[in-house]
Amino acid sequence: MADSDIQAVQRIYTALTRWDIDDMVADVTHDIEMTLPDPLPWGGTHHGPEGVRSFARIFRDHVEGPWADPDDFLEAGDRIVVLGRLRGRAREGGQEFEVGFVHVWTLTDGIASRAQIYYDSAPILAALDGRPPPEPPPRI
C-alpha cells in the first residue's frame, strides 16, 4: 500500500472535519459501500455518493459537532485502518457523547470503495434519548 492511499483516506477525514460532503464524495468510488452500526438512525449500509450524502444528512439531523477525530492511520494489507474518536452532542436534549472507533477502508485503484465503521452505539443512543451514558464494563 502506498503513502498516497493513506493520504486519500486522510482527505476524507479533512473533508468531514469541514462537513464538506461534496469534497468527501469526490474521494470515493461511484459504488462506495459504507456500513455503520445498525441501531443508530444513520446506521446500516449506504451505497454510492447519494448514500454517503444521506448518511451525512441523517447524522447532522441528530448530532451537532464533529463527525470523527482520527488518531492513527494504519496499513493492513489491502486496507487502511483508522483508529479515533467519534464525538458530538445530541441536537435534541444536548447530551454529549464520545466513543472510540475503528474504521476499515478498502481502496480500489487508490480510491475508497468500502468503509466498515465500528463503534459502541450504546452511549450515542443514550445521548440521543437524553439519558446518561451507560456504565462501562469492568476492566479485567
Protein backbone atom coordinates (compact mmCIF):
# COMPACT_ATOMS: atom_id res chain seq x y z
CA MET A 1 0.00 0.00 0.00
CA ALA A 2 1.38 3.39 -0.98
CA ASP A 3 1.55 6.57 1.10
CA SER A 4 -0.88 8.03 -1.43
CA ASP A 5 -3.50 5.51 -0.24
CA ILE A 6 -3.26 6.78 3.33
CA GLN A 7 -3.38 10.36 2.03
CA ALA A 8 -6.55 9.51 0.08
CA VAL A 9 -8.25 8.36 3.29
CA GLN A 10 -6.90 11.36 5.23
CA ARG A 11 -8.52 13.68 2.65
CA ILE A 12 -11.89 12.10 3.50
CA TYR A 13 -11.47 12.99 7.18
CA THR A 14 -10.31 16.50 6.30
CA ALA A 15 -13.48 16.98 4.25
CA LEU A 16 -15.61 15.60 7.09
CA THR A 17 -13.98 17.96 9.59
CA ARG A 18 -15.29 20.83 7.43
CA TRP A 19 -18.56 18.97 6.77
CA ASP A 20 -17.84 19.33 3.08
CA ILE A 21 -19.71 16.23 1.91
CA ASP A 22 -19.22 17.11 -1.78
CA ASP A 23 -15.45 17.13 -1.21
CA MET A 24 -15.69 13.82 0.64
CA VAL A 25 -17.76 12.23 -2.13
CA ALA A 26 -15.12 13.33 -4.65
CA ASP A 27 -12.67 10.97 -2.88
CA VAL A 28 -14.81 7.81 -3.01
CA THR A 29 -15.81 5.46 -5.84
CA HIS A 30 -19.17 5.74 -7.56
CA ASP A 31 -20.18 2.47 -5.88
CA ILE A 32 -18.82 3.14 -2.37
CA GLU A 33 -20.33 0.93 0.32
CA MET A 34 -20.39 2.41 3.81
CA THR A 35 -21.61 0.22 6.69
CA LEU A 36 -22.34 1.70 10.12
CA PRO A 37 -23.81 0.22 13.33
CA ASP A 38 -27.45 -0.72 12.66
CA PRO A 39 -29.13 0.56 15.86
CA LEU A 40 -28.36 4.21 15.03
CA PRO A 41 -30.67 6.40 12.93
CA TRP A 42 -27.86 6.75 10.35
CA GLY A 43 -26.82 3.11 10.64
CA GLY A 44 -26.94 0.36 8.09
CA THR A 45 -25.31 0.12 4.70
CA HIS A 46 -25.23 3.15 2.40
CA HIS A 47 -24.37 2.83 -1.28
CA GLY A 48 -22.85 5.32 -3.69
CA PRO A 49 -22.38 9.06 -3.28
CA GLU A 50 -26.09 9.57 -2.61
CA GLY A 51 -25.91 7.00 0.18
CA VAL A 52 -22.99 8.91 1.72
CA ARG A 53 -24.93 12.17 1.43
CA SER A 54 -27.98 10.51 3.02
CA PHE A 55 -25.88 9.22 5.93
CA ALA A 56 -24.44 12.71 6.46
CA ARG A 57 -27.89 14.39 6.40
CA ILE A 58 -29.34 11.92 8.90
CA PHE A 59 -26.29 12.23 11.17
CA ARG A 60 -26.49 16.04 11.11
CA ASP A 61 -30.24 15.90 11.82
CA HIS A 62 -29.40 14.20 15.14
CA VAL A 63 -25.89 15.37 16.10
CA GLU A 64 -24.06 18.68 16.42
CA GLY A 65 -20.29 18.82 16.31
CA PRO A 66 -17.53 16.94 14.58
CA TRP A 67 -18.07 13.60 12.98
CA ALA A 68 -14.78 11.89 13.73
CA ASP A 69 -11.38 12.64 15.15
CA PRO A 70 -8.91 10.19 13.61
CA ASP A 71 -5.81 9.44 15.67
CA ASP A 72 -3.98 6.73 13.72
CA PHE A 73 -3.93 5.56 10.11
CA LEU A 74 -2.59 2.02 9.87
CA GLU A 75 -1.77 -0.06 6.82
CA ALA A 76 -3.35 -3.50 7.00
CA GLY A 77 -2.62 -5.36 3.79
CA ASP A 78 -5.02 -4.01 1.19
CA ARG A 79 -6.87 -1.89 3.75
CA ILE A 80 -6.37 1.24 5.81
CA VAL A 81 -7.49 1.01 9.45
CA VAL A 82 -8.26 4.28 11.19
CA LEU A 83 -8.45 4.50 14.98
CA GLY A 84 -10.03 7.51 16.60
CA ARG A 85 -12.95 9.03 18.47
CA LEU A 86 -16.47 10.00 17.50
CA ARG A 87 -17.72 12.98 19.49
CA GLY A 88 -20.83 15.07 19.33
CA ARG A 89 -23.89 16.48 21.06
CA ALA A 90 -27.44 15.31 20.51
CA ARG A 91 -29.43 18.08 18.83
CA GLU A 92 -32.42 17.19 20.96
CA GLY A 93 -31.55 17.48 24.63
CA GLY A 94 -27.90 18.49 24.24
CA GLN A 95 -26.44 15.30 25.75
CA GLU A 96 -22.78 14.84 24.71
CA PHE A 97 -21.11 11.57 23.77
CA GLU A 98 -17.67 10.27 22.89
CA VAL A 99 -16.80 6.76 21.75
CA GLY A 100 -13.70 5.18 20.30
CA PHE A 101 -13.95 3.90 16.74
CA VAL A 102 -12.30 1.65 14.23
CA HIS A 103 -12.89 2.43 10.55
CA VAL A 104 -11.70 -0.08 7.98
CA TRP A 105 -11.29 1.37 4.47
CA THR A 106 -10.82 -0.66 1.32
CA LEU A 107 -9.36 1.15 -1.66
CA THR A 108 -9.76 0.30 -5.32
CA ASP A 109 -7.10 1.84 -7.56
CA GLY A 110 -6.26 4.32 -4.78
CA ILE A 111 -9.87 5.43 -4.19
CA ALA A 112 -12.02 4.49 -1.19
CA SER A 113 -14.56 1.87 -2.27
CA ARG A 114 -15.71 0.47 1.07
CA ALA A 115 -15.88 1.67 4.67
CA GLN A 116 -16.75 -0.56 7.59
CA ILE A 117 -17.43 1.58 10.66
CA TYR A 118 -17.24 0.10 14.17
CA TYR A 119 -18.05 1.78 17.49
CA ASP A 120 -20.19 1.24 20.57
CA SER A 121 -23.61 2.64 19.74
CA ALA A 122 -24.98 2.46 23.33
CA PRO A 123 -23.51 5.80 24.54
CA ILE A 124 -24.71 7.51 21.35
CA LEU A 125 -28.22 6.08 21.65
CA ALA A 126 -28.31 7.19 25.29
CA ALA A 127 -27.33 10.73 24.27
CA LEU A 128 -29.95 10.78 21.50
CA ASP A 129 -32.57 9.63 24.04
CA GLY A 130 -31.43 12.20 26.65
CA ARG A 131 -30.16 9.54 29.04
CA PRO A 132 -26.76 9.43 30.78
CA PRO A 133 -24.23 7.13 29.14
CA PRO A 134 -24.22 3.51 30.27
CA GLU A 135 -21.62 2.44 32.80
CA PRO A 136 -18.54 0.98 31.10
CA PRO A 137 -17.92 -2.71 31.68
CA PRO A 138 -15.43 -3.56 34.43
CA ARG A 139 -11.83 -3.93 33.34
CA ILE A 140 -10.37 -7.35 33.72
